[in-house]
Amino acid sequence: MIITDKESVSLHWLFPGKHLVDGLRPLNDDKECSNMLECITDDGVVDVYAEVVHENSEEEDESDSEYQLGKEEESGQKEMIP
């Protein structure tokens, strides 16, 4: 996968014995990496996850903005946007 200038990557690690829902911890700096190393169990293995974050582009279609989606929910139908 190639990361473009409109994307960034966030790293997270899974605290030993926890699940993805409640155990992901950020890996943003050296302090957090040191904390991760201190928490590694006897197996010496840690699960690290990479999340690609897509930045919103001004060129994107704005037809599904939160404002318009809220209006659709209120009226119960989809508005036609010129």
PDB file of N, CA and C in Angstrom:
ATOM      1  N   MET A   1       0.843  -1.174   0.000  1.00  0.00           N
ATOM      2  CA  MET A   1       0.000   0.000   0.000  1.00  0.00           C
ATOM      3  C   MET A   1       0.889   1.238   0.000  1.00  0.00           C
ATOM      4  N   ILE A   2       0.540   2.197  -0.800  1.00  0.00           N
ATOM      5  CA  ILE A   2       1.273   3.455  -0.870  1.00  0.00           C
ATOM      6  C   ILE A   2       0.457   4.520  -0.147  1.00  0.00           C
ATOM      7  N   ILE A   3       1.087   5.203   0.790  1.00  0.00           N
ATOM      8  CA  ILE A   3       0.433   6.269   1.540  1.00  0.00           C
ATOM      9  C   ILE A   3       0.663   7.581   0.798  1.00  0.00           C
ATOM     10  N   THR A   4      -0.411   8.291   0.513  1.00  0.00           N
ATOM     11  CA  THR A   4      -0.308   9.554  -0.215  1.00  0.00           C
ATOM     12  C   THR A   4      -0.220  10.721   0.761  1.00  0.00           C
ATOM     13  N   ASP A   5      -0.066  11.927   0.214  1.00  0.00           N
ATOM     14  CA  ASP A   5       0.013  13.112   1.065  1.00  0.00           C
ATOM     15  C   ASP A   5      -1.333  13.455   1.699  1.00  0.00           C
ATOM     16  N   LYS A   6      -2.401  12.808   1.274  1.00  0.00           N
ATOM     17  CA  LYS A   6      -3.720  13.037   1.856  1.00  0.00           C
ATOM     18  C   LYS A   6      -4.052  11.975   2.908  1.00  0.00           C
ATOM     19  N   GLU A   7      -3.074  11.158   3.258  1.00  0.00           N
ATOM     20  CA  GLU A   7      -3.278  10.090   4.230  1.00  0.00           C
ATOM     21  C   GLU A   7      -2.150  10.118   5.263  1.00  0.00           C
ATOM     22  N   SER A   8      -2.432   9.561   6.406  1.00  0.00           N
ATOM     23  CA  SER A   8      -1.407   9.378   7.425  1.00  0.00           C
ATOM     24  C   SER A   8      -1.639   8.025   8.086  1.00  0.00           C
ATOM     25  N   VAL A   9      -0.677   7.584   8.869  1.00  0.00           N
ATOM     26  CA  VAL A   9      -0.775   6.287   9.527  1.00  0.00           C
ATOM     27  C   VAL A   9      -0.694   6.485  11.035  1.00  0.00           C
ATOM     28  N   SER A  10      -1.615   5.864  11.750  1.00  0.00           N
ATOM     29  CA  SER A  10      -1.588   5.848  13.210  1.00  0.00           C
ATOM     30  C   SER A  10      -1.271   4.424  13.647  1.00  0.00           C
ATOM     31  N   LEU A  11      -0.310   4.284  14.555  1.00  0.00           N
ATOM     32  CA  LEU A  11       0.056   2.971  15.070  1.00  0.00           C
ATOM     33  C   LEU A  11      -0.543   2.770  16.451  1.00  0.00           C
ATOM     34  N   HIS A  12      -0.998   1.548  16.708  1.00  0.00           N
ATOM     35  CA  HIS A  12      -1.574   1.169  17.994  1.00  0.00           C
ATOM     36  C   HIS A  12      -1.033  -0.203  18.361  1.00  0.00           C
ATOM     37  N   TRP A  13      -0.975  -0.492  19.654  1.00  0.00           N
ATOM     38  CA  TRP A  13      -0.599  -1.829  20.097  1.00  0.00           C
ATOM     39  C   TRP A  13      -1.675  -2.356  21.022  1.00  0.00           C
ATOM     40  N   LEU A  14      -1.792  -3.683  21.056  1.00  0.00           N
ATOM     41  CA  LEU A  14      -2.824  -4.334  21.853  1.00  0.00           C
ATOM     42  C   LEU A  14      -2.239  -4.761  23.192  1.00  0.00           C
ATOM     43  N   PHE A  15      -2.781  -4.201  24.269  1.00  0.00           N
ATOM     44  CA  PHE A  15      -2.324  -4.526  25.617  1.00  0.00           C
ATOM     45  C   PHE A  15      -2.529  -6.021  25.860  1.00  0.00           C
ATOM     46  N   PRO A  16      -1.529  -6.718  26.411  1.00  0.00           N
ATOM     47  CA  PRO A  16      -1.643  -8.168  26.626  1.00  0.00           C
ATOM     48  C   PRO A  16      -2.884  -8.543  27.442  1.00  0.00           C
ATOM     49  N   GLY A  17      -3.610  -9.537  26.957  1.00  0.00           N
ATOM     50  CA  GLY A  17      -4.794 -10.030  27.645  1.00  0.00           C
ATOM     51  C   GLY A  17      -6.060  -9.244  27.365  1.00  0.00           C
ATOM     52  N   LYS A  18      -5.969  -8.189  26.566  1.00  0.00           N
ATOM     53  CA  LYS A  18      -7.141  -7.369  26.245  1.00  0.00           C
ATOM     54  C   LYS A  18      -7.646  -7.691  24.840  1.00  0.00           C
ATOM     55  N   HIS A  19      -8.816  -7.154  24.523  1.00  0.00           N
ATOM     56  CA  HIS A  19      -9.415  -7.319  23.198  1.00  0.00           C
ATOM     57  C   HIS A  19      -9.292  -6.007  22.428  1.00  0.00           C
ATOM     58  N   LEU A  20      -9.530  -6.071  21.125  1.00  0.00           N
ATOM     59  CA  LEU A  20      -9.433  -4.867  20.294  1.00  0.00           C
ATOM     60  C   LEU A  20     -10.360  -3.756  20.774  1.00  0.00           C
ATOM     61  N   VAL A  21     -11.499  -4.125  21.312  1.00  0.00           N
ATOM     62  CA  VAL A  21     -12.492  -3.140  21.735  1.00  0.00           C
ATOM     63  C   VAL A  21     -11.978  -2.263  22.876  1.00  0.00           C
ATOM     64  N   ASP A  22     -11.235  -2.862  23.807  1.00  0.00           N
ATOM     65  CA  ASP A  22     -10.832  -2.099  24.988  1.00  0.00           C
ATOM     66  C   ASP A  22      -9.331  -2.100  25.269  1.00  0.00           C
ATOM     67  N   GLY A  23      -8.542  -2.697  24.383  1.00  0.00           N
ATOM     68  CA  GLY A  23      -7.128  -2.835  24.699  1.00  0.00           C
ATOM     69  C   GLY A  23      -6.144  -2.121  23.804  1.00  0.00           C
ATOM     70  N   LEU A  24      -6.621  -1.405  22.787  1.00  0.00           N
ATOM     71  CA  LEU A  24      -5.685  -0.718  21.900  1.00  0.00           C
ATOM     72  C   LEU A  24      -5.103   0.515  22.580  1.00  0.00           C
ATOM     73  N   ARG A  25      -3.792   0.661  22.460  1.00  0.00           N
ATOM     74  CA  ARG A  25      -3.084   1.814  23.014  1.00  0.00           C
ATOM     75  C   ARG A  25      -2.329   2.497  21.876  1.00  0.00           C
ATOM     76  N   PRO A  26      -2.265   3.825  21.871  1.00  0.00           N
ATOM     77  CA  PRO A  26      -1.564   4.526  20.785  1.00  0.00           C
ATOM     78  C   PRO A  26      -0.050   4.371  20.887  1.00  0.00           C
ATOM     79  N   LEU A  27       0.606   4.418  19.757  1.00  0.00           N
ATOM     80  CA  LEU A  27       2.073   4.443  19.685  1.00  0.00           C
ATOM     81  C   LEU A  27       2.471   5.725  18.964  1.00  0.00           C
ATOM     82  N   ASN A  28       2.489   6.824  19.691  1.00  0.00           N
ATOM     83  CA  ASN A  28       2.757   8.121  19.071  1.00  0.00           C
ATOM     84  C   ASN A  28       4.156   8.654  19.329  1.00  0.00           C
ATOM     85  N   ASP A  29       4.804   8.181  20.391  1.00  0.00           N
ATOM     86  CA  ASP A  29       6.118   8.726  20.721  1.00  0.00           C
ATOM     87  C   ASP A  29       6.954   7.691  21.480  1.00  0.00           C
ATOM     88  N   ASP A  30       8.175   8.072  21.816  1.00  0.00           N
ATOM     89  CA  ASP A  30       9.100   7.154  22.488  1.00  0.00           C
ATOM     90  C   ASP A  30       8.591   6.716  23.857  1.00  0.00           C
ATOM     91  N   LYS A  31       7.930   7.610  24.569  1.00  0.00           N
ATOM     92  CA  LYS A  31       7.411   7.273  25.901  1.00  0.00           C
ATOM     93  C   LYS A  31       6.393   6.136  25.803  1.00  0.00           C
ATOM     94  N   GLU A  32       5.502   6.218  24.817  1.00  0.00           N
ATOM     95  CA  GLU A  32       4.498   5.172  24.640  1.00  0.00           C
ATOM     96  C   GLU A  32       5.136   3.863  24.174  1.00  0.00           C
ATOM     97  N   CYS A  33       6.192   3.951  23.372  1.00  0.00           N
ATOM     98  CA  CYS A  33       6.915   2.739  22.952  1.00  0.00           C
ATOM     99  C   CYS A  33       7.596   2.084  24.151  1.00  0.00           C
ATOM    100  N   SER A  34       8.179   2.888  25.028  1.00  0.00           N
ATOM    101  CA  SER A  34       8.814   2.352  26.238  1.00  0.00           C
ATOM    102  C   SER A  34       7.779   1.686  27.135  1.00  0.00           C
ATOM    103  N   ASN A  35       6.610   2.306  27.256  1.00  0.00           N
ATOM    104  CA  ASN A  35       5.526   1.724  28.046  1.00  0.00           C
ATOM    105  C   ASN A  35       5.119   0.371  27.463  1.00  0.00           C
ATOM    106  N   MET A  36       5.035   0.291  26.142  1.00  0.00           N
ATOM    107  CA  MET A  36       4.680  -0.966  25.492  1.00  0.00           C
ATOM    108  C   MET A  36       5.720  -2.040  25.824  1.00  0.00           C
ATOM    109  N   LEU A  37       6.999  -1.683  25.745  1.00  0.00           N
ATOM    110  CA  LEU A  37       8.062  -2.651  26.028  1.00  0.00           C
ATOM    111  C   LEU A  37       7.990  -3.170  27.457  1.00  0.00           C
ATOM    112  N   GLU A  38       7.620  -2.310  28.395  1.00  0.00           N
ATOM    113  CA  GLU A  38       7.503  -2.721  29.792  1.00  0.00           C
ATOM    114  C   GLU A  38       6.324  -3.667  30.018  1.00  0.00           C
ATOM    115  N   CYS A  39       5.321  -3.597  29.155  1.00  0.00           N
ATOM    116  CA  CYS A  39       4.105  -4.395  29.328  1.00  0.00           C
ATOM    117  C   CYS A  39       4.132  -5.725  28.585  1.00  0.00           C
ATOM    118  N   ILE A  40       5.155  -5.953  27.779  1.00  0.00           N
ATOM    119  CA  ILE A  40       5.221  -7.205  27.020  1.00  0.00           C
ATOM    120  C   ILE A  40       5.389  -8.368  27.990  1.00  0.00           C
ATOM    121  N   THR A  41       4.610  -9.415  27.770  1.00  0.00           N
ATOM    122  CA  THR A  41       4.632 -10.588  28.653  1.00  0.00           C
ATOM    123  C   THR A  41       5.826 -11.487  28.337  1.00  0.00           C
ATOM    124  N   ASP A  42       5.871 -12.624  28.984  1.00  0.00           N
ATOM    125  CA  ASP A  42       6.981 -13.570  28.845  1.00  0.00           C
ATOM    126  C   ASP A  42       7.210 -14.029  27.411  1.00  0.00           C
ATOM    127  N   ASP A  43       6.162 -14.031  26.605  1.00  0.00           N
ATOM    128  CA  ASP A  43       6.299 -14.492  25.219  1.00  0.00           C
ATOM    129  C   ASP A  43       7.136 -13.536  24.376  1.00  0.00           C
ATOM    130  N   GLY A  44       7.232 -12.283  24.778  1.00  0.00           N
ATOM    131  CA  GLY A  44       8.028 -11.312  24.040  1.00  0.00           C
ATOM    132  C   GLY A  44       7.411 -10.876  22.730  1.00  0.00           C
ATOM    133  N   VAL A  45       6.085 -11.019  22.615  1.00  0.00           N
ATOM    134  CA  VAL A  45       5.396 -10.669  21.375  1.00  0.00           C
ATOM    135  C   VAL A  45       4.299  -9.663  21.689  1.00  0.00           C
ATOM    136  N   VAL A  46       4.148  -8.685  20.817  1.00  0.00           N
ATOM    137  CA  VAL A  46       3.066  -7.712  20.963  1.00  0.00           C
ATOM    138  C   VAL A  46       2.426  -7.514  19.591  1.00  0.00           C
ATOM    139  N   ASP A  47       1.115  -7.335  19.576  1.00  0.00           N
ATOM    140  CA  ASP A  47       0.403  -7.081  18.324  1.00  0.00           C
ATOM    141  C   ASP A  47       0.365  -5.580  18.071  1.00  0.00           C
ATOM    142  N   VAL A  48       0.860  -5.168  16.899  1.00  0.00           N
ATOM    143  CA  VAL A  48       0.865  -3.761  16.506  1.00  0.00           C
ATOM    144  C   VAL A  48      -0.048  -3.615  15.295  1.00  0.00           C
ATOM    145  N   TYR A  49      -0.896  -2.589  15.329  1.00  0.00           N
ATOM    146  CA  TYR A  49      -1.863  -2.344  14.261  1.00  0.00           C
ATOM    147  C   TYR A  49      -1.594  -0.985  13.635  1.00  0.00           C
ATOM    148  N   ALA A  50      -1.721  -0.928  12.321  1.00  0.00           N
ATOM    149  CA  ALA A  50      -1.564   0.328  11.583  1.00  0.00           C
ATOM    150  C   ALA A  50      -2.922   0.734  11.032  1.00  0.00           C
ATOM    151  N   GLU A  51      -3.289   1.980  11.265  1.00  0.00           N
ATOM    152  CA  GLU A  51      -4.556   2.521  10.769  1.00  0.00           C
ATOM    153  C   GLU A  51      -4.241   3.632   9.774  1.00  0.00           C
ATOM    154  N   VAL A  52      -4.705   3.471   8.542  1.00  0.00           N
ATOM    155  CA  VAL A  52      -4.524   4.516   7.538  1.00  0.00           C
ATOM    156  C   VAL A  52      -5.663   5.510   7.697  1.00  0.00           C
ATOM    157  N   VAL A  53      -5.308   6.756   7.952  1.00  0.00           N
ATOM    158  CA  VAL A  53      -6.292   7.813   8.159  1.00  0.00           C
ATOM    159  C   VAL A  53      -6.366   8.637   6.883  1.00  0.00           C
ATOM    160  N   HIS A  54      -7.545   8.665   6.289  1.00  0.00           N
ATOM    161  CA  HIS A  54      -7.755   9.417   5.055  1.00  0.00           C
ATOM    162  C   HIS A  54      -8.193  10.832   5.399  1.00  0.00           C
ATOM    163  N   GLU A  55      -7.460  11.799   4.904  1.00  0.00           N
ATOM    164  CA  GLU A  55      -7.816  13.199   5.119  1.00  0.00           C
ATOM    165  C   GLU A  55      -8.934  13.567   4.159  1.00  0.00           C
ATOM    166  N   ASN A  56      -9.865  14.405   4.614  1.00  0.00           N
ATOM    167  CA  ASN A  56     -10.940  14.873   3.738  1.00  0.00           C
ATOM    168  C   ASN A  56     -10.378  15.841   2.719  1.00  0.00           C
ATOM    169  N   SER A  57     -10.818  15.691   1.520  1.00  0.00           N
ATOM    170  CA  SER A  57     -10.384  16.563   0.440  1.00  0.00           C
ATOM    171  C   SER A  57     -11.481  17.563   0.130  1.00  0.00           C
ATOM    172  N   GLU A  58     -11.098  18.789  -0.210  1.00  0.00           N
ATOM    173  CA  GLU A  58     -12.084  19.800  -0.588  1.00  0.00           C
ATOM    174  C   GLU A  58     -12.769  19.426  -1.889  1.00  0.00           C
ATOM    175  N   GLU A  59     -12.137  18.551  -2.658  1.00  0.00           N
ATOM    176  CA  GLU A  59     -12.694  18.155  -3.944  1.00  0.00           C
ATOM    177  C   GLU A  59     -13.751  17.071  -3.808  1.00  0.00           C
ATOM    178  N   GLU A  60     -13.915  16.508  -2.601  1.00  0.00           N
ATOM    179  CA  GLU A  60     -14.888  15.439  -2.414  1.00  0.00           C
ATOM    180  C   GLU A  60     -16.300  15.957  -2.617  1.00  0.00           C
ATOM    181  N   ASP A  61     -17.179  15.050  -2.998  1.00  0.00           N
ATOM    182  CA  ASP A  61     -18.586  15.378  -3.154  1.00  0.00           C
ATOM    183  C   ASP A  61     -19.174  15.636  -1.772  1.00  0.00           C
ATOM    184  N   GLU A  62     -19.772  16.795  -1.586  1.00  0.00           N
ATOM    185  CA  GLU A  62     -20.317  17.155  -0.285  1.00  0.00           C
ATOM    186  C   GLU A  62     -21.791  16.794  -0.160  1.00  0.00           C
ATOM    187  N   SER A  63     -22.321  15.967  -1.047  1.00  0.00           N
ATOM    188  CA  SER A  63     -23.743  15.652  -1.028  1.00  0.00           C
ATOM    189  C   SER A  63     -24.143  14.825   0.186  1.00  0.00           C
ATOM    190  N   ASP A  64     -23.200  14.216   0.874  1.00  0.00           N
ATOM    191  CA  ASP A  64     -23.515  13.422   2.056  1.00  0.00           C
ATOM    192  C   ASP A  64     -23.010  14.086   3.331  1.00  0.00           C
ATOM    193  N   SER A  65     -23.009  15.400   3.363  1.00  0.00           N
ATOM    194  CA  SER A  65     -22.557  16.087   4.565  1.00  0.00           C
ATOM    195  C   SER A  65     -23.499  15.786   5.716  1.00  0.00           C
ATOM    196  N   GLU A  66     -23.012  15.960   6.947  1.00  0.00           N
ATOM    197  CA  GLU A  66     -23.835  15.684   8.123  1.00  0.00           C
ATOM    198  C   GLU A  66     -25.095  16.540   8.125  1.00  0.00           C
ATOM    199  N   TYR A  67     -24.987  17.782   7.681  1.00  0.00           N
ATOM    200  CA  TYR A  67     -26.145  18.671   7.643  1.00  0.00           C
ATOM    201  C   TYR A  67     -27.226  18.100   6.735  1.00  0.00           C
ATOM    202  N   GLN A  68     -26.823  17.676   5.549  1.00  0.00           N
ATOM    203  CA  GLN A  68     -27.805  17.161   4.603  1.00  0.00           C
ATOM    204  C   GLN A  68     -28.362  15.821   5.062  1.00  0.00           C
ATOM    205  N   LEU A  69     -27.527  14.975   5.659  1.00  0.00           N
ATOM    206  CA  LEU A  69     -28.025  13.702   6.153  1.00  0.00           C
ATOM    207  C   LEU A  69     -29.033  13.927   7.272  1.00  0.00           C
ATOM    208  N   GLY A  70     -28.790  14.919   8.131  1.00  0.00           N
ATOM    209  CA  GLY A  70     -29.730  15.244   9.196  1.00  0.00           C
ATOM    210  C   GLY A  70     -31.060  15.711   8.641  1.00  0.00           C
ATOM    211  N   LYS A  71     -31.029  16.517   7.594  1.00  0.00           N
ATOM    212  CA  LYS A  71     -32.257  17.000   6.955  1.00  0.00           C
ATOM    213  C   LYS A  71     -33.041  15.836   6.351  1.00  0.00           C
ATOM    214  N   GLU A  72     -32.328  14.870   5.770  1.00  0.00           N
ATOM    215  CA  GLU A  72     -32.993  13.711   5.181  1.00  0.00           C
ATOM    216  C   GLU A  72     -33.698  12.897   6.255  1.00  0.00           C
ATOM    217  N   GLU A  73     -33.038  12.733   7.399  1.00  0.00           N
ATOM    218  CA  GLU A  73     -33.640  11.961   8.480  1.00  0.00           C
ATOM    219  C   GLU A  73     -34.890  12.652   9.012  1.00  0.00           C
ATOM    220  N   GLU A  74     -34.852  13.985   9.108  1.00  0.00           N
ATOM    221  CA  GLU A  74     -36.007  14.727   9.605  1.00  0.00           C
ATOM    222  C   GLU A  74     -37.191  14.602   8.662  1.00  0.00           C
ATOM    223  N   SER A  75     -36.931  14.704   7.368  1.00  0.00           N
ATOM    224  CA  SER A  75     -38.022  14.691   6.404  1.00  0.00           C
ATOM    225  C   SER A  75     -38.423  13.273   6.010  1.00  0.00           C
ATOM    226  N   GLY A  76     -37.545  12.312   6.256  1.00  0.00           N
ATOM    227  CA  GLY A  76     -37.847  10.937   5.896  1.00  0.00           C
ATOM    228  C   GLY A  76     -37.604  10.628   4.433  1.00  0.00           C
ATOM    229  N   GLN A  77     -37.094  11.570   3.692  1.00  0.00           N
ATOM    230  CA  GLN A  77     -36.796  11.321   2.284  1.00  0.00           C
ATOM    231  C   GLN A  77     -35.517  12.039   1.895  1.00  0.00           C
ATOM    232  N   LYS A  78     -34.933  11.609   0.814  1.00  0.00           N
ATOM    233  CA  LYS A  78     -33.686  12.190   0.344  1.00  0.00           C
ATOM    234  C   LYS A  78     -33.977  13.392  -0.537  1.00  0.00           C
ATOM    235  N   GLU A  79     -33.302  14.500  -0.261  1.00  0.00           N
ATOM    236  CA  GLU A  79     -33.478  15.702  -1.059  1.00  0.00           C
ATOM    237  C   GLU A  79     -32.653  15.606  -2.329  1.00  0.00           C
ATOM    238  N   MET A  80     -33.158  16.165  -3.370  1.00  0.00           N
ATOM    239  CA  MET A  80     -32.393  16.281  -4.603  1.00  0.00           C
ATOM    240  C   MET A  80     -31.591  17.564  -4.510  1.00  0.00           C
ATOM    241  N   ILE A  81     -30.298  17.461  -4.659  1.00  0.00           N
ATOM    242  CA  ILE A  81     -29.422  18.619  -4.548  1.00  0.00           C
ATOM    243  C   ILE A  81     -28.951  19.004  -5.936  1.00  0.00           C
ATOM    244  N   PRO A  82     -29.185  20.260  -6.323  1.00  0.00           N
ATOM    245  CA  PRO A  82     -28.787  20.677  -7.679  1.00  0.00           C
ATOM    246  C   PRO A  82     -27.289  20.703  -7.847  1.00  0.00           C
TER     247      PRO A  82
END
